């Protein structure tokens, strides 16, 4: 019998993150404070490990940027396109 692979649906979608569970939902208020008024920001999540901010669109997680990242610094840093 093949080994079961545990899917982490709540895991951070950032390719650089090693965190396991980003449960925070308070990021919407912090994004508003940073001047982000996009519709996705109302339901955004933030990884507590790497600071990745993402939204969920259907079954996909879309990385929007970083908030308070140790390497990038404090504050909002939108994802580069």
N, C-alpha and C. Protein backbone atom coordinates (compact mmCIF):
# COMPACT_ATOMS: atom_id res chain seq x y z
N UNK A 1 0.84 -1.18 0.00
CA UNK A 1 0.00 0.00 0.00
C UNK A 1 0.89 1.25 0.00
N UNK A 2 0.66 2.20 -0.92
CA UNK A 2 1.50 3.40 -0.97
C UNK A 2 1.26 4.28 0.25
N UNK A 3 2.30 5.00 0.61
CA UNK A 3 2.20 5.91 1.75
C UNK A 3 1.23 7.03 1.43
N UNK A 4 0.47 7.41 2.43
CA UNK A 4 -0.50 8.51 2.27
C UNK A 4 0.25 9.83 2.37
N UNK A 5 -0.03 10.71 1.47
CA UNK A 5 0.56 12.05 1.50
C UNK A 5 -0.48 12.98 2.08
N UNK A 6 -0.11 13.63 3.17
CA UNK A 6 -1.04 14.55 3.81
C UNK A 6 -1.06 15.87 3.04
N UNK A 7 -2.24 16.28 2.59
CA UNK A 7 -2.38 17.55 1.89
C UNK A 7 -2.62 18.63 2.93
N UNK A 8 -1.91 19.72 2.79
CA UNK A 8 -2.06 20.82 3.74
C UNK A 8 -2.81 21.95 3.05
N UNK A 9 -4.12 21.85 3.01
CA UNK A 9 -4.93 22.86 2.32
C UNK A 9 -4.77 24.25 2.93
N UNK A 10 -4.46 24.32 4.22
CA UNK A 10 -4.33 25.63 4.85
C UNK A 10 -2.89 26.13 4.84
N UNK A 11 -1.99 25.40 4.20
CA UNK A 11 -0.59 25.79 4.20
C UNK A 11 -0.36 27.03 3.33
N UNK A 12 0.65 27.75 3.67
CA UNK A 12 1.03 28.96 2.94
C UNK A 12 1.38 28.61 1.50
N UNK A 13 0.89 29.36 0.53
CA UNK A 13 1.18 29.06 -0.87
C UNK A 13 2.51 29.63 -1.37
N UNK A 14 3.20 30.40 -0.54
CA UNK A 14 4.46 30.99 -0.98
C UNK A 14 5.49 29.90 -1.22
N UNK A 15 6.18 29.97 -2.34
CA UNK A 15 7.19 28.97 -2.69
C UNK A 15 8.38 29.01 -1.73
N UNK A 16 8.61 30.14 -1.06
CA UNK A 16 9.76 30.30 -0.19
C UNK A 16 9.48 29.97 1.28
N UNK A 17 8.25 29.66 1.62
CA UNK A 17 7.87 29.48 3.02
C UNK A 17 8.04 28.04 3.48
N UNK A 18 8.47 27.90 4.73
CA UNK A 18 8.57 26.57 5.33
C UNK A 18 7.58 26.41 6.48
N UNK A 19 6.70 27.37 6.64
CA UNK A 19 5.70 27.32 7.69
C UNK A 19 4.65 26.25 7.40
N UNK A 20 3.89 25.88 8.42
CA UNK A 20 2.93 24.81 8.23
C UNK A 20 1.48 25.24 8.32
N UNK A 21 1.18 26.27 9.06
CA UNK A 21 -0.23 26.63 9.21
C UNK A 21 -0.42 28.12 9.47
N UNK A 22 -0.86 28.88 8.48
CA UNK A 22 -1.09 30.32 8.68
C UNK A 22 -2.56 30.63 8.98
N UNK A 23 -2.97 30.54 10.24
CA UNK A 23 -4.39 30.70 10.55
C UNK A 23 -4.89 32.14 10.66
N UNK A 24 -4.01 33.13 10.61
CA UNK A 24 -4.45 34.50 10.84
C UNK A 24 -5.41 35.02 9.78
N UNK A 25 -6.41 35.72 10.25
CA UNK A 25 -7.34 36.39 9.35
C UNK A 25 -7.41 37.88 9.66
N UNK A 26 -6.63 38.30 10.64
CA UNK A 26 -6.65 39.71 11.05
C UNK A 26 -5.98 40.61 10.04
N UNK A 27 -5.35 40.05 9.04
CA UNK A 27 -4.56 40.82 8.10
C UNK A 27 -5.38 41.82 7.30
N UNK A 28 -6.68 41.60 7.14
CA UNK A 28 -7.52 42.54 6.39
C UNK A 28 -7.46 43.94 6.98
N UNK A 29 -7.51 44.03 8.28
CA UNK A 29 -7.44 45.34 8.93
C UNK A 29 -6.07 45.98 8.74
N UNK A 30 -5.03 45.18 8.84
CA UNK A 30 -3.67 45.70 8.68
C UNK A 30 -3.41 46.14 7.25
N UNK A 31 -3.99 45.42 6.28
CA UNK A 31 -3.84 45.83 4.88
C UNK A 31 -4.57 47.15 4.64
N UNK A 32 -5.75 47.29 5.23
CA UNK A 32 -6.49 48.55 5.09
C UNK A 32 -5.68 49.70 5.67
N UNK A 33 -5.02 49.46 6.81
CA UNK A 33 -4.16 50.48 7.41
C UNK A 33 -2.99 50.85 6.50
N UNK A 34 -2.56 49.87 5.67
CA UNK A 34 -1.45 50.11 4.75
C UNK A 34 -1.92 50.72 3.43
N UNK A 35 -3.25 50.94 3.30
CA UNK A 35 -3.78 51.57 2.10
C UNK A 35 -4.24 50.61 1.01
N UNK A 36 -4.27 49.32 1.31
CA UNK A 36 -4.72 48.33 0.33
C UNK A 36 -6.24 48.22 0.44
N UNK A 37 -6.95 48.61 -0.63
CA UNK A 37 -8.41 48.62 -0.59
C UNK A 37 -9.03 47.66 -1.58
N UNK A 38 -8.24 46.76 -2.16
CA UNK A 38 -8.77 45.79 -3.12
C UNK A 38 -9.76 44.84 -2.45
N UNK A 39 -10.68 44.32 -3.22
CA UNK A 39 -11.70 43.40 -2.70
C UNK A 39 -11.07 42.17 -2.05
N UNK A 40 -9.99 41.64 -2.63
CA UNK A 40 -9.36 40.43 -2.08
C UNK A 40 -8.81 40.66 -0.68
N UNK A 41 -8.49 41.90 -0.33
CA UNK A 41 -7.88 42.19 0.97
C UNK A 41 -8.83 41.92 2.13
N UNK A 42 -10.13 41.93 1.87
CA UNK A 42 -11.11 41.69 2.94
C UNK A 42 -11.06 40.27 3.48
N UNK A 43 -10.61 39.33 2.68
CA UNK A 43 -10.54 37.94 3.12
C UNK A 43 -9.12 37.39 3.05
N UNK A 44 -8.14 38.27 2.98
CA UNK A 44 -6.75 37.84 2.86
C UNK A 44 -6.28 37.12 4.12
N UNK A 45 -5.28 36.28 3.93
CA UNK A 45 -4.65 35.57 5.03
C UNK A 45 -3.16 35.88 5.00
N UNK A 46 -2.53 35.77 6.15
CA UNK A 46 -1.09 36.02 6.25
C UNK A 46 -0.41 34.85 6.95
N UNK A 47 0.66 34.37 6.37
CA UNK A 47 1.44 33.30 6.96
C UNK A 47 2.25 33.87 8.12
N UNK A 48 2.12 33.26 9.29
CA UNK A 48 2.85 33.75 10.46
C UNK A 48 4.33 33.44 10.38
N UNK A 49 4.73 32.55 9.50
CA UNK A 49 6.14 32.19 9.38
C UNK A 49 6.90 33.15 8.47
N UNK A 50 6.39 33.38 7.26
CA UNK A 50 7.14 34.19 6.29
C UNK A 50 6.50 35.53 5.97
N UNK A 51 5.28 35.78 6.45
CA UNK A 51 4.62 37.05 6.18
C UNK A 51 3.93 37.13 4.84
N UNK A 52 3.85 36.02 4.13
CA UNK A 52 3.18 35.97 2.83
C UNK A 52 1.70 36.29 3.01
N UNK A 53 1.19 37.21 2.22
CA UNK A 53 -0.23 37.55 2.23
C UNK A 53 -0.85 36.95 0.97
N UNK A 54 -1.93 36.20 1.15
CA UNK A 54 -2.57 35.54 0.02
C UNK A 54 -4.07 35.57 0.15
N UNK A 55 -4.72 35.40 -0.98
CA UNK A 55 -6.17 35.29 -1.00
C UNK A 55 -6.52 33.97 -1.67
N UNK A 56 -7.72 33.51 -1.42
CA UNK A 56 -8.18 32.26 -2.00
C UNK A 56 -9.20 32.58 -3.08
N UNK A 57 -8.92 32.11 -4.28
CA UNK A 57 -9.79 32.33 -5.42
C UNK A 57 -10.20 30.96 -5.96
N UNK A 58 -11.41 30.54 -5.62
CA UNK A 58 -11.84 29.19 -5.98
C UNK A 58 -11.03 28.20 -5.18
N UNK A 59 -10.30 27.34 -5.85
CA UNK A 59 -9.43 26.38 -5.15
C UNK A 59 -7.96 26.81 -5.20
N UNK A 60 -7.70 27.97 -5.78
CA UNK A 60 -6.32 28.45 -5.90
C UNK A 60 -6.00 29.49 -4.83
N UNK A 61 -4.76 29.47 -4.36
CA UNK A 61 -4.27 30.48 -3.43
C UNK A 61 -3.38 31.43 -4.22
N UNK A 62 -3.68 32.71 -4.14
CA UNK A 62 -2.97 33.71 -4.92
C UNK A 62 -2.13 34.58 -3.98
N UNK A 63 -0.80 34.53 -4.16
CA UNK A 63 0.10 35.33 -3.34
C UNK A 63 0.00 36.77 -3.81
N UNK A 64 -0.31 37.68 -2.85
CA UNK A 64 -0.48 39.10 -3.16
C UNK A 64 0.73 39.95 -2.77
N UNK A 65 1.51 39.46 -1.81
CA UNK A 65 2.68 40.20 -1.35
C UNK A 65 3.11 39.70 0.01
N UNK A 66 3.84 40.55 0.75
CA UNK A 66 4.30 40.20 2.09
C UNK A 66 4.02 41.35 3.05
N UNK A 67 3.73 40.99 4.28
CA UNK A 67 3.46 41.97 5.33
C UNK A 67 4.33 41.61 6.53
N UNK A 68 5.18 42.53 6.93
CA UNK A 68 6.06 42.34 8.09
C UNK A 68 6.93 41.09 7.94
N UNK A 69 7.73 41.07 6.89
CA UNK A 69 8.65 39.97 6.61
C UNK A 69 10.01 40.32 7.18
N UNK A 70 10.70 39.35 7.80
CA UNK A 70 12.00 39.62 8.42
C UNK A 70 13.04 40.10 7.40
N UNK A 71 13.01 39.58 6.20
CA UNK A 71 13.99 39.96 5.18
C UNK A 71 13.60 41.26 4.48
N UNK A 72 12.32 41.38 4.12
CA UNK A 72 11.85 42.56 3.38
C UNK A 72 11.57 43.75 4.28
N UNK A 73 11.39 43.51 5.57
CA UNK A 73 11.14 44.59 6.52
C UNK A 73 9.68 44.70 6.92
N UNK A 74 9.40 45.62 7.82
CA UNK A 74 8.04 45.83 8.29
C UNK A 74 7.22 46.57 7.25
N UNK A 75 5.91 46.35 7.28
CA UNK A 75 5.02 47.02 6.36
C UNK A 75 4.63 46.14 5.20
N UNK A 76 3.84 46.70 4.31
CA UNK A 76 3.27 45.99 3.16
C UNK A 76 4.22 46.07 1.97
N UNK A 77 4.49 44.92 1.36
CA UNK A 77 5.29 44.83 0.14
C UNK A 77 4.50 44.02 -0.89
N UNK A 78 3.89 44.69 -1.88
CA UNK A 78 3.12 43.95 -2.88
C UNK A 78 4.03 43.04 -3.71
N UNK A 79 3.44 41.97 -4.21
CA UNK A 79 4.20 41.03 -5.04
C UNK A 79 4.60 41.72 -6.33
N UNK A 80 5.84 41.51 -6.74
CA UNK A 80 6.31 42.06 -8.01
C UNK A 80 5.72 41.24 -9.14
N UNK A 81 5.31 41.92 -10.17
CA UNK A 81 4.69 41.23 -11.32
C UNK A 81 5.72 40.91 -12.37
